[in-house]
Structures are given as structure tokens and as C-alpha cells.
Amino acid sequence: MSDAVSCLDFPSLLNGLGDVAARYDIDDLASCASTNSLLLERAAQGAPSGSVVVTDEQTAGRGRLGRTWHSSPECSLTFSLLWKFPAQSNLSGLSLAVGVAIAQALEDLGVPGIGLKWPNDVWLHGRKIGGVLIELQFASTHAAAVIGIGLNLQRHPAWDALIDQALAAIAESGVAVSREAVLAAILRRMVSVLDCFAAEGFAPRLRAEWEARNALRGQAVRAVPREGEMLTGLCLGVAPDGALELESADGQRILVTVGDVSLRPDLAARP
């Protein structure tokens, strides 16, 4: 652990981790610029698989597509996890697999109404409560994934004005859980999910788990790239490699790969 003072109850976290505690090396910080940036630096310096950086506050938190990730000690859980896979591993679908682990963990805690939105969002009754940012490093001996996770535990009064989509927080589910309990539950599930991913990839088992929680299945959606033509269609699900499958108005199957794409429900297409 770091010498910095933080709000995390470390003995409670270890108790919640139980027999998987030995798989992790957890650093607990009061503040840092970005847990992903810090862990990427440590990965380059040889940090072991299972290294975790948890922080009360990020001063330069990053989300996908260059967005700012907002966090606060009272309202959010923010951490990054380093996981190493064998060299030449196919990591397609990894962000979706991580979403499965988060969803399973929240369900373990009794949180109802959890859904997943391609490729990296966690929803509670149709509103975003969290997201995933994965950054990769490759070496001759392994592939290292730094998995950044942010979850809203409580609603922050400033966030609705700062973020361009409907938000929710775990507290709104009616289930009272501590930050330590949520972190422990996610790390416990992450062991089994990432071990499964390393052994067989995203499909078939993790794909089936993701599909069971697909928040937009059968709905009309828009895939909006930063550049290029907007894609619209019905959300069918995901391919074995994690690509989004849409059906166009003329019945054509469209595959959208993970990249600079923002997925939104197509409200104009609804009756």
C-alpha cells in the first residue's frame, strides 16, 4: 500500500477478497492524475500481473474517445488493474469480458437491473453507472492490459451538467454497499472472467454472458463515428470477436468494430 492517506478501508477489502487476495497487489492512493497512466508506467517497469491502483480522486482521469472521466472520493469507485496475457493472445472482446465481470459482481451484491452497452458501458435500468477503458502494452513475452474502471456509487450534483448522457448511481438501486464491497466483488469476479478469457477468448462462454445482459438488443440504434457516415440499424448482438452486429433497414448485417464509435439509442426510429 501507498503511504498516502485515502478513504479505503483496506482490512475490509482484504476480507471481501478472501481466497483471491493473493492474486492481487493493491496500491491505495488518495489522489493521482490517472490510475491508467500510473499503472501503464508501472507495467513498463515490470509491475506484476494483478497490480491494482485505487484512488479517491483523479485529477486527469480519462475515458474513451478522449473524454474526461469524473470522479470524487464520496461518490465513485475509480481503479485500474494490470493483467498479463501470453504473447500473441487475441484480445478481441476484452472490454466486453470486463463488462461481464462487473455486471456479475454487482449482481452478486444484489443490485438489480444491470445491463451492458457495447462496447464498454455498464447501465442500471437504462442509465450509465460506469465504464471501462483498456490500454495495451506488448512485449516479446506477454501482452499487458491496463483495465481502468469507474463506477458511480452515489450521484454527484455536478455530473449531470458535465456529462452528455443519462446517469445513475448504485445507491439508486436501493442496495446499500460500500466502496470496499464493490471493489472486492469486482476483483473476485475478474479472476474467473480473465482466466476464462485467457483460456478460450471472448467466445463462447463470455459472449453468452454478455448477450444475456445486452441492454440494447432488438432496439434501433445509431453508431456514430467521429468521422464518416453514421450507421443505423437494429442491435442484434455481438460477434464472436466482440464486434457489434446491426441489421440495416434493408436487412443487411453490419459489423461495427471497437474504435471511435459512440453508440446511442435511435430515438427517432421508435414508434
C-alpha atoms as a PDB file:
ATOM      1  CA  MET A   1       0.000   0.000   0.000  1.00  0.00           C
ATOM      2  CA  SER A   2       0.960   3.609  -0.528  1.00  0.00           C
ATOM      3  CA  ASP A   3       1.786   5.871   2.410  1.00  0.00           C
ATOM      4  CA  ALA A   4      -0.788   8.397   1.125  1.00  0.00           C
ATOM      5  CA  VAL A   5      -3.907   8.668   3.234  1.00  0.00           C
ATOM      6  CA  SER A   6      -7.091   7.528   1.489  1.00  0.00           C
ATOM      7  CA  CYS A   7     -10.669   6.703   2.332  1.00  0.00           C
ATOM      8  CA  LEU A   8     -10.334   2.989   1.532  1.00  0.00           C
ATOM      9  CA  ASP A   9     -10.815   0.530   4.400  1.00  0.00           C
ATOM     10  CA  PHE A  10      -8.062  -1.905   3.431  1.00  0.00           C
ATOM     11  CA  PRO A  11      -8.785  -4.641   6.049  1.00  0.00           C
ATOM     12  CA  SER A  12     -12.411  -4.704   4.881  1.00  0.00           C
ATOM     13  CA  LEU A  13     -11.263  -5.017   1.268  1.00  0.00           C
ATOM     14  CA  LEU A  14      -8.960  -7.931   2.075  1.00  0.00           C
ATOM     15  CA  ASN A  15     -11.739  -9.661   3.959  1.00  0.00           C
ATOM     16  CA  GLY A  16     -14.019  -9.297   0.954  1.00  0.00           C
ATOM     17  CA  LEU A  17     -11.390 -10.651  -1.429  1.00  0.00           C
ATOM     18  CA  GLY A  18     -10.984 -13.833   0.568  1.00  0.00           C
ATOM     19  CA  ASP A  19      -9.027 -16.542  -1.230  1.00  0.00           C
ATOM     20  CA  VAL A  20      -8.293 -14.418  -4.325  1.00  0.00           C
ATOM     21  CA  ALA A  21      -6.405 -11.751  -2.337  1.00  0.00           C
ATOM     22  CA  ALA A  22      -3.127 -13.474  -3.204  1.00  0.00           C
ATOM     23  CA  ARG A  23      -3.767 -12.775  -6.913  1.00  0.00           C
ATOM     24  CA  TYR A  24      -3.551  -9.024  -6.347  1.00  0.00           C
ATOM     25  CA  ASP A  25      -1.049  -6.348  -5.333  1.00  0.00           C
ATOM     26  CA  ILE A  26      -3.177  -3.336  -4.382  1.00  0.00           C
ATOM     27  CA  ASP A  27      -1.911   0.234  -4.091  1.00  0.00           C
ATOM     28  CA  ASP A  28      -4.293   2.624  -2.375  1.00  0.00           C
ATOM     29  CA  LEU A  29      -3.843   6.344  -3.208  1.00  0.00           C
ATOM     30  CA  ALA A  30      -5.586   9.474  -2.019  1.00  0.00           C
ATOM     31  CA  SER A  31      -5.084  11.192  -5.375  1.00  0.00           C
ATOM     32  CA  CYS A  32      -3.336  10.735  -8.699  1.00  0.00           C
ATOM     33  CA  ALA A  33      -3.554  12.167 -12.193  1.00  0.00           C
ATOM     34  CA  SER A  34      -4.869   8.948 -13.767  1.00  0.00           C
ATOM     35  CA  THR A  35      -4.843   5.395 -12.449  1.00  0.00           C
ATOM     36  CA  ASN A  36      -4.431   4.072 -16.002  1.00  0.00           C
ATOM     37  CA  SER A  37      -1.470   6.344 -16.742  1.00  0.00           C
ATOM     38  CA  LEU A  38       0.208   5.425 -13.478  1.00  0.00           C
ATOM     39  CA  LEU A  39      -0.289   1.711 -13.985  1.00  0.00           C
ATOM     40  CA  LEU A  40       0.927   1.898 -17.594  1.00  0.00           C
ATOM     41  CA  GLU A  41       4.166   3.401 -16.260  1.00  0.00           C
ATOM     42  CA  ARG A  42       4.455   0.663 -13.660  1.00  0.00           C
ATOM     43  CA  ALA A  43       3.711  -2.035 -16.243  1.00  0.00           C
ATOM     44  CA  ALA A  44       6.577  -0.742 -18.392  1.00  0.00           C
ATOM     45  CA  GLN A  45       8.817  -1.013 -15.323  1.00  0.00           C
ATOM     46  CA  GLY A  46       7.861  -4.655 -14.711  1.00  0.00           C
ATOM     47  CA  ALA A  47       4.891  -4.487 -12.326  1.00  0.00           C
ATOM     48  CA  PRO A  48       3.319  -7.942 -11.881  1.00  0.00           C
ATOM     49  CA  SER A  49       0.030  -9.122 -13.270  1.00  0.00           C
ATOM     50  CA  GLY A  50      -2.685  -8.413 -10.718  1.00  0.00           C
ATOM     51  CA  SER A  51      -1.329  -4.979  -9.782  1.00  0.00           C
ATOM     52  CA  VAL A  52      -4.166  -2.627  -8.845  1.00  0.00           C
ATOM     53  CA  VAL A  53      -4.182   1.136  -8.296  1.00  0.00           C
ATOM     54  CA  VAL A  54      -7.200   2.535  -6.449  1.00  0.00           C
ATOM     55  CA  THR A  55      -7.620   6.247  -5.902  1.00  0.00           C
ATOM     56  CA  ASP A  56     -10.072   8.510  -4.122  1.00  0.00           C
ATOM     57  CA  GLU A  57      -9.647  11.198  -6.751  1.00  0.00           C
ATOM     58  CA  GLN A  58      -8.216  11.562 -10.258  1.00  0.00           C
ATOM     59  CA  THR A  59      -7.043  14.986 -11.399  1.00  0.00           C
ATOM     60  CA  ALA A  60      -6.739  13.997 -15.080  1.00  0.00           C
ATOM     61  CA  GLY A  61      -8.995  10.970 -15.440  1.00  0.00           C
ATOM     62  CA  ARG A  62      -9.555   9.683 -18.974  1.00  0.00           C
ATOM     63  CA  GLY A  63     -12.451   7.898 -20.624  1.00  0.00           C
ATOM     64  CA  ARG A  64     -12.839   6.522 -24.132  1.00  0.00           C
ATOM     65  CA  LEU A  65     -12.668   8.808 -27.179  1.00  0.00           C
ATOM     66  CA  GLY A  66     -10.689  11.416 -25.295  1.00  0.00           C
ATOM     67  CA  ARG A  67     -13.453  12.164 -22.816  1.00  0.00           C
ATOM     68  CA  THR A  68     -12.794  13.291 -19.258  1.00  0.00           C
ATOM     69  CA  TRP A  69     -13.675  10.769 -16.546  1.00  0.00           C
ATOM     70  CA  HIS A  70     -15.159  12.486 -13.494  1.00  0.00           C
ATOM     71  CA  SER A  71     -14.639  11.045 -10.021  1.00  0.00           C
ATOM     72  CA  SER A  72     -14.913  12.033  -6.372  1.00  0.00           C
ATOM     73  CA  PRO A  73     -13.981  10.325  -3.079  1.00  0.00           C
ATOM     74  CA  GLU A  74     -17.569  10.319  -1.822  1.00  0.00           C
ATOM     75  CA  CYS A  75     -19.393   9.313  -4.977  1.00  0.00           C
ATOM     76  CA  SER A  76     -17.271   6.977  -7.077  1.00  0.00           C
ATOM     77  CA  LEU A  77     -15.031   3.942  -7.239  1.00  0.00           C
ATOM     78  CA  THR A  78     -12.033   4.513  -9.524  1.00  0.00           C
ATOM     79  CA  PHE A  79      -9.294   1.957 -10.101  1.00  0.00           C
ATOM     80  CA  SER A  80      -7.098   0.276 -12.690  1.00  0.00           C
ATOM     81  CA  LEU A  81      -5.976  -3.340 -12.934  1.00  0.00           C
ATOM     82  CA  LEU A  82      -2.947  -4.732 -14.770  1.00  0.00           C
ATOM     83  CA  TRP A  83      -3.442  -8.190 -16.268  1.00  0.00           C
ATOM     84  CA  LYS A  84      -0.874 -10.005 -18.370  1.00  0.00           C
ATOM     85  CA  PHE A  85      -1.748 -12.481 -21.102  1.00  0.00           C
ATOM     86  CA  PRO A  86       0.534 -14.798 -23.085  1.00  0.00           C
ATOM     87  CA  ALA A  87       2.295 -13.211 -26.057  1.00  0.00           C
ATOM     88  CA  GLN A  88       0.276 -13.329 -29.289  1.00  0.00           C
ATOM     89  CA  SER A  89      -3.000 -13.606 -27.363  1.00  0.00           C
ATOM     90  CA  ASN A  90      -6.100 -12.485 -29.242  1.00  0.00           C
ATOM     91  CA  LEU A  91      -7.537  -9.770 -27.002  1.00  0.00           C
ATOM     92  CA  SER A  92     -10.594  -9.008 -29.156  1.00  0.00           C
ATOM     93  CA  GLY A  93     -13.638  -8.622 -26.950  1.00  0.00           C
ATOM     94  CA  LEU A  94     -11.656  -7.968 -23.764  1.00  0.00           C
ATOM     95  CA  SER A  95     -13.589  -4.805 -22.844  1.00  0.00           C
ATOM     96  CA  LEU A  96     -16.839  -6.753 -23.176  1.00  0.00           C
ATOM     97  CA  ALA A  97     -15.476  -9.548 -20.975  1.00  0.00           C
ATOM     98  CA  VAL A  98     -14.552  -6.980 -18.322  1.00  0.00           C
ATOM     99  CA  GLY A  99     -18.096  -5.647 -18.507  1.00  0.00           C
ATOM    100  CA  VAL A 100     -19.363  -9.164 -17.794  1.00  0.00           C
ATOM    101  CA  ALA A 101     -17.198  -9.362 -14.668  1.00  0.00           C
ATOM    102  CA  ILE A 102     -18.509  -6.000 -13.416  1.00  0.00           C
ATOM    103  CA  ALA A 103     -22.116  -6.963 -14.095  1.00  0.00           C
ATOM    104  CA  GLN A 104     -21.725 -10.319 -12.349  1.00  0.00           C
ATOM    105  CA  ALA A 105     -20.112  -8.633  -9.347  1.00  0.00           C
ATOM    106  CA  LEU A 106     -22.940  -6.119  -8.976  1.00  0.00           C
ATOM    107  CA  GLU A 107     -25.470  -8.922  -9.299  1.00  0.00           C
ATOM    108  CA  ASP A 108     -23.593 -10.831  -6.588  1.00  0.00           C
ATOM    109  CA  LEU A 109     -24.168  -7.799  -4.344  1.00  0.00           C
ATOM    110  CA  GLY A 110     -27.897  -7.864  -5.092  1.00  0.00           C
ATOM    111  CA  VAL A 111     -28.014  -4.850  -7.434  1.00  0.00           C
ATOM    112  CA  PRO A 112     -30.962  -5.341  -9.840  1.00  0.00           C
ATOM    113  CA  GLY A 113     -31.382  -4.040 -13.375  1.00  0.00           C
ATOM    114  CA  ILE A 114     -27.767  -4.244 -14.562  1.00  0.00           C
ATOM    115  CA  GLY A 115     -27.226  -4.110 -18.335  1.00  0.00           C
ATOM    116  CA  LEU A 116     -24.250  -3.754 -20.670  1.00  0.00           C
ATOM    117  CA  LYS A 117     -23.964  -1.345 -23.604  1.00  0.00           C
ATOM    118  CA  TRP A 118     -21.428  -2.035 -26.310  1.00  0.00           C
ATOM    119  CA  PRO A 119     -18.532  -1.692 -26.050  1.00  0.00           C
ATOM    120  CA  ASN A 120     -17.671  -0.541 -22.531  1.00  0.00           C
ATOM    121  CA  ASP A 121     -20.586   0.873 -20.528  1.00  0.00           C
ATOM    122  CA  VAL A 122     -22.420  -0.541 -17.520  1.00  0.00           C
ATOM    123  CA  TRP A 123     -26.045   0.528 -17.123  1.00  0.00           C
ATOM    124  CA  LEU A 124     -28.555   0.480 -14.289  1.00  0.00           C
ATOM    125  CA  HIS A 125     -32.143   0.411 -15.591  1.00  0.00           C
ATOM    126  CA  GLY A 126     -31.053   2.080 -18.835  1.00  0.00           C
ATOM    127  CA  ARG A 127     -28.743   4.740 -17.411  1.00  0.00           C
ATOM    128  CA  LYS A 128     -24.965   4.689 -17.198  1.00  0.00           C
ATOM    129  CA  ILE A 129     -23.358   3.871 -13.857  1.00  0.00           C
ATOM    130  CA  GLY A 130     -19.871   3.043 -15.081  1.00  0.00           C
ATOM    131  CA  GLY A 131     -17.409   2.420 -17.858  1.00  0.00           C
ATOM    132  CA  VAL A 132     -14.195   0.687 -18.851  1.00  0.00           C
ATOM    133  CA  LEU A 133     -11.047   1.994 -20.530  1.00  0.00           C
ATOM    134  CA  ILE A 134      -8.463  -0.592 -21.636  1.00  0.00           C
ATOM    135  CA  GLU A 135      -4.966   0.303 -22.804  1.00  0.00           C
ATOM    136  CA  LEU A 136      -2.462  -2.278 -24.035  1.00  0.00           C
ATOM    137  CA  GLN A 137       1.281  -2.793 -23.944  1.00  0.00           C
ATOM    138  CA  PHE A 138       3.031  -5.555 -25.894  1.00  0.00           C
ATOM    139  CA  ALA A 139       6.314  -7.290 -25.151  1.00  0.00           C
ATOM    140  CA  SER A 140       8.022 -10.354 -26.578  1.00  0.00           C
ATOM    141  CA  THR A 141       6.934 -12.415 -23.563  1.00  0.00           C
ATOM    142  CA  HIS A 142       3.424 -11.134 -22.889  1.00  0.00           C
ATOM    143  CA  ALA A 143       0.601  -8.711 -23.664  1.00  0.00           C
ATOM    144  CA  ALA A 144      -0.285  -6.389 -20.805  1.00  0.00           C
ATOM    145  CA  ALA A 145      -3.757  -4.917 -20.438  1.00  0.00           C
ATOM    146  CA  VAL A 146      -4.330  -1.970 -18.120  1.00  0.00           C
ATOM    147  CA  ILE A 147      -8.031  -2.069 -17.327  1.00  0.00           C
ATOM    148  CA  GLY A 148      -9.458   1.177 -15.985  1.00  0.00           C
ATOM    149  CA  ILE A 149     -12.857   1.006 -14.275  1.00  0.00           C
ATOM    150  CA  GLY A 150     -15.023   3.800 -12.919  1.00  0.00           C
ATOM    151  CA  LEU A 151     -18.367   3.323 -11.168  1.00  0.00           C
ATOM    152  CA  ASN A 152     -20.857   5.814  -9.745  1.00  0.00           C
ATOM    153  CA  LEU A 153     -21.664   4.804  -6.172  1.00  0.00           C
ATOM    154  CA  GLN A 154     -23.622   7.961  -5.342  1.00  0.00           C
ATOM    155  CA  ARG A 155     -24.994  10.706  -7.577  1.00  0.00           C
ATOM    156  CA  HIS A 156     -22.774  13.787  -7.656  1.00  0.00           C
ATOM    157  CA  PRO A 157     -24.734  17.054  -8.030  1.00  0.00           C
ATOM    158  CA  ALA A 158     -22.376  18.436 -10.703  1.00  0.00           C
ATOM    159  CA  TRP A 159     -22.141  15.433 -13.008  1.00  0.00           C
ATOM    160  CA  ASP A 160     -25.434  15.764 -14.898  1.00  0.00           C
ATOM    161  CA  ALA A 161     -24.340  19.146 -16.245  1.00  0.00           C
ATOM    162  CA  LEU A 162     -20.905  17.839 -17.258  1.00  0.00           C
ATOM    163  CA  ILE A 163     -21.842  14.569 -18.965  1.00  0.00           C
ATOM    164  CA  ASP A 164     -23.908  14.219 -22.151  1.00  0.00           C
ATOM    165  CA  GLN A 165     -25.909  11.117 -21.253  1.00  0.00           C
ATOM    166  CA  ALA A 166     -28.325   9.857 -18.608  1.00  0.00           C
ATOM    167  CA  LEU A 167     -26.518   8.851 -15.443  1.00  0.00           C
ATOM    168  CA  ALA A 168     -27.361   6.698 -12.459  1.00  0.00           C
ATOM    169  CA  ALA A 169     -25.603   5.520  -9.319  1.00  0.00           C
ATOM    170  CA  ILE A 170     -25.574   2.203  -7.493  1.00  0.00           C
ATOM    171  CA  ALA A 171     -27.247   3.835  -4.481  1.00  0.00           C
ATOM    172  CA  GLU A 172     -30.334   4.447  -6.651  1.00  0.00           C
ATOM    173  CA  SER A 173     -30.855   0.679  -6.876  1.00  0.00           C
ATOM    174  CA  GLY A 174     -31.862   0.648  -3.208  1.00  0.00           C
ATOM    175  CA  VAL A 175     -28.927  -1.622  -2.343  1.00  0.00           C
ATOM    176  CA  ALA A 176     -26.515  -0.181   0.226  1.00  0.00           C
ATOM    177  CA  VAL A 177     -22.950  -1.311  -0.483  1.00  0.00           C
ATOM    178  CA  SER A 178     -19.576   0.098   0.500  1.00  0.00           C
ATOM    179  CA  ARG A 179     -16.793   1.018  -1.885  1.00  0.00           C
ATOM    180  CA  GLU A 180     -14.736  -1.850  -0.447  1.00  0.00           C
ATOM    181  CA  ALA A 181     -17.524  -4.365  -1.045  1.00  0.00           C
ATOM    182  CA  VAL A 182     -17.939  -3.281  -4.677  1.00  0.00           C
ATOM    183  CA  LEU A 183     -14.192  -3.374  -5.357  1.00  0.00           C
ATOM    184  CA  ALA A 184     -13.799  -6.786  -3.717  1.00  0.00           C
ATOM    185  CA  ALA A 185     -16.747  -8.226  -5.643  1.00  0.00           C
ATOM    186  CA  ILE A 186     -15.368  -6.965  -8.973  1.00  0.00           C
ATOM    187  CA  LEU A 187     -11.857  -8.250  -8.307  1.00  0.00           C
ATOM    188  CA  ARG A 188     -13.224 -11.639  -7.272  1.00  0.00           C
ATOM    189  CA  ARG A 189     -15.215 -11.932 -10.500  1.00  0.00           C
ATOM    190  CA  MET A 190     -12.336 -10.575 -12.554  1.00  0.00           C
ATOM    191  CA  VAL A 191     -10.169 -13.559 -11.655  1.00  0.00           C
ATOM    192  CA  SER A 192     -12.590 -16.106 -13.099  1.00  0.00           C
ATOM    193  CA  VAL A 193     -13.542 -13.992 -16.123  1.00  0.00           C
ATOM    194  CA  LEU A 194      -9.979 -13.097 -17.131  1.00  0.00           C
ATOM    195  CA  ASP A 195      -8.769 -16.650 -16.573  1.00  0.00           C
ATOM    196  CA  CYS A 196     -11.602 -17.809 -18.848  1.00  0.00           C
ATOM    197  CA  PHE A 197     -10.727 -15.144 -21.418  1.00  0.00           C
ATOM    198  CA  ALA A 198      -7.069 -16.202 -21.404  1.00  0.00           C
ATOM    199  CA  ALA A 199      -8.060 -19.834 -21.942  1.00  0.00           C
ATOM    200  CA  GLU A 200     -10.691 -19.513 -24.652  1.00  0.00           C
ATOM    201  CA  GLY A 201     -11.141 -15.864 -25.639  1.00  0.00           C
ATOM    202  CA  PHE A 202     -14.403 -13.949 -25.659  1.00  0.00           C
ATOM    203  CA  ALA A 203     -16.487 -16.724 -27.254  1.00  0.00           C
ATOM    204  CA  PRO A 204     -18.335 -18.838 -26.481  1.00  0.00           C
ATOM    205  CA  ARG A 205     -18.922 -18.519 -22.730  1.00  0.00           C
ATOM    206  CA  LEU A 206     -18.215 -14.841 -22.112  1.00  0.00           C
ATOM    207  CA  ARG A 207     -20.049 -13.865 -25.282  1.00  0.00           C
ATOM    208  CA  ALA A 208     -23.138 -15.669 -23.999  1.00  0.00           C
ATOM    209  CA  GLU A 209     -22.851 -13.909 -20.635  1.00  0.00           C
ATOM    210  CA  TRP A 210     -22.581 -10.527 -22.365  1.00  0.00           C
ATOM    211  CA  GLU A 211     -25.526 -11.235 -24.655  1.00  0.00           C
ATOM    212  CA  ALA A 212     -27.678 -12.120 -21.646  1.00  0.00           C
ATOM    213  CA  ARG A 213     -27.131  -8.553 -20.379  1.00  0.00           C
ATOM    214  CA  ASN A 214     -27.190  -6.676 -23.708  1.00  0.00           C
ATOM    215  CA  ALA A 215     -29.124  -3.527 -22.798  1.00  0.00           C
ATOM    216  CA  LEU A 216     -29.951  -2.582 -26.405  1.00  0.00           C
ATOM    217  CA  ARG A 217     -30.726  -5.933 -28.002  1.00  0.00           C
ATOM    218  CA  GLY A 218     -33.522  -5.600 -30.562  1.00  0.00           C
ATOM    219  CA  GLN A 219     -33.566  -1.811 -30.339  1.00  0.00           C
ATOM    220  CA  ALA A 220     -32.942   0.698 -33.118  1.00  0.00           C
ATOM    221  CA  VAL A 221     -29.552   2.297 -32.525  1.00  0.00           C
ATOM    222  CA  ARG A 222     -27.077   4.705 -34.115  1.00  0.00           C
ATOM    223  CA  ALA A 223     -23.360   4.017 -34.242  1.00  0.00           C
ATOM    224  CA  VAL A 224     -21.779   7.446 -34.526  1.00  0.00           C
ATOM    225  CA  PRO A 225     -18.110   7.553 -35.578  1.00  0.00           C
ATOM    226  CA  ARG A 226     -16.007  10.656 -35.117  1.00  0.00           C
ATOM    227  CA  GLU A 227     -15.530  10.708 -38.875  1.00  0.00           C
ATOM    228  CA  GLY A 228     -17.529   9.054 -41.595  1.00  0.00           C
ATOM    229  CA  GLU A 229     -21.136   8.109 -42.120  1.00  0.00           C
ATOM    230  CA  MET A 230     -23.486   7.415 -39.233  1.00  0.00           C
ATOM    231  CA  LEU A 231     -24.689   3.802 -39.115  1.00  0.00           C
ATOM    232  CA  THR A 232     -28.213   2.910 -38.068  1.00  0.00           C
ATOM    233  CA  GLY A 233     -29.985  -0.380 -37.550  1.00  0.00           C
ATOM    234  CA  LEU A 234     -31.379  -2.857 -35.079  1.00  0.00           C
ATOM    235  CA  CYS A 235     -28.943  -4.064 -32.437  1.00  0.00           C
ATOM    236  CA  LEU A 236     -28.638  -7.829 -32.973  1.00  0.00           C
ATOM    237  CA  GLY A 237     -25.835  -8.537 -30.515  1.00  0.00           C
ATOM    238  CA  VAL A 238     -22.098  -9.123 -30.780  1.00  0.00           C
ATOM    239  CA  ALA A 239     -19.951 -11.340 -32.973  1.00  0.00           C
ATOM    240  CA  PRO A 240     -17.505 -13.901 -31.525  1.00  0.00           C
ATOM    241  CA  ASP A 241     -14.723 -11.306 -31.729  1.00  0.00           C
ATOM    242  CA  GLY A 242     -16.785  -8.698 -29.867  1.00  0.00           C
ATOM    243  CA  ALA A 243     -17.799  -6.610 -32.894  1.00  0.00           C
ATOM    244  CA  LEU A 244     -21.271  -5.072 -32.729  1.00  0.00           C
ATOM    245  CA  GLU A 245     -23.830  -6.631 -35.069  1.00  0.00           C
ATOM    246  CA  LEU A 246     -26.518  -4.394 -36.563  1.00  0.00           C
ATOM    247  CA  GLU A 247     -29.272  -5.127 -39.067  1.00  0.00           C
ATOM    248  CA  SER A 248     -29.888  -2.300 -41.524  1.00  0.00           C
ATOM    249  CA  ALA A 249     -33.316  -1.214 -42.779  1.00  0.00           C
ATOM    250  CA  ASP A 250     -32.841  -3.343 -45.907  1.00  0.00           C
ATOM    251  CA  GLY A 251     -31.913  -6.429 -43.891  1.00  0.00           C
ATOM    252  CA  GLN A 252     -28.151  -6.247 -44.352  1.00  0.00           C
ATOM    253  CA  ARG A 253     -25.888  -7.357 -41.499  1.00  0.00           C
ATOM    254  CA  ILE A 254     -23.444  -4.636 -40.442  1.00  0.00           C
ATOM    255  CA  LEU A 255     -20.405  -5.247 -38.238  1.00  0.00           C
ATOM    256  CA  VAL A 256     -19.071  -2.336 -36.179  1.00  0.00           C
ATOM    257  CA  THR A 257     -15.634  -2.878 -34.687  1.00  0.00           C
ATOM    258  CA  VAL A 258     -14.454  -1.371 -31.415  1.00  0.00           C
ATOM    259  CA  GLY A 259     -12.948   2.034 -32.107  1.00  0.00           C
ATOM    260  CA  ASP A 260     -14.000   5.662 -32.243  1.00  0.00           C
ATOM    261  CA  VAL A 261     -17.687   4.866 -32.191  1.00  0.00           C
ATOM    262  CA  SER A 262     -20.339   6.205 -29.843  1.00  0.00           C
ATOM    263  CA  LEU A 263     -23.446   4.058 -29.598  1.00  0.00           C
ATOM    264  CA  ARG A 264     -26.766   5.764 -28.839  1.00  0.00           C
ATOM    265  CA  PRO A 265     -30.372   4.530 -28.971  1.00  0.00           C
ATOM    266  CA  ASP A 266     -32.016   5.768 -32.176  1.00  0.00           C
ATOM    267  CA  LEU A 267     -34.992   7.533 -30.612  1.00  0.00           C
ATOM    268  CA  ALA A 268     -36.187   8.813 -33.997  1.00  0.00           C
ATOM    269  CA  ALA A 269     -36.778   5.254 -35.194  1.00  0.00           C
ATOM    270  CA  ARG A 270     -39.097   4.349 -32.332  1.00  0.00           C
ATOM    271  CA  PRO A 271     -42.868   4.415 -32.916  1.00  0.00           C
END
